[in-house]
């Protein structure tokens, strides 16, 4: 009986910490555009004023971003494990969007806001906006 409880506790711990799988992380985007933005992902709308960050589940398809009335679209690339900021209950990919509408990924241990244009980006970043879904 005690062995069964220990096994159940281990399964619960592995599930909670993500050690048994690689969960889909959330994405946090800091608004460095100088303008208000609205992000639509999976039919949900998220807003951020200049200097504010917004967080939502990492998208599996296209993301629509409205930068003060200008709509652009991004395809979601696969994330690089080296850029995951992990915590006890999940992981986050931290990014910043700039006035040129490019989205740069932020290194996990760097504080926000950061200037990711100063160091190399992984494959797929910076995200370059599209005028329409392709």
Foldseek 3Di string as FASTA:
>chain_A
DVVVVVVVVVVVQCVQQVVVHADQAKEKEAEQAQFKKWKAAPNDIDIDGHRGIDIDTQHQAKMWMQGPNQIWIFGGDDDDPQQWQGDRRHTYWYWYAYNQRWIATDRNPDDPPDDRVVDDGDPCPRIHTHSDGD
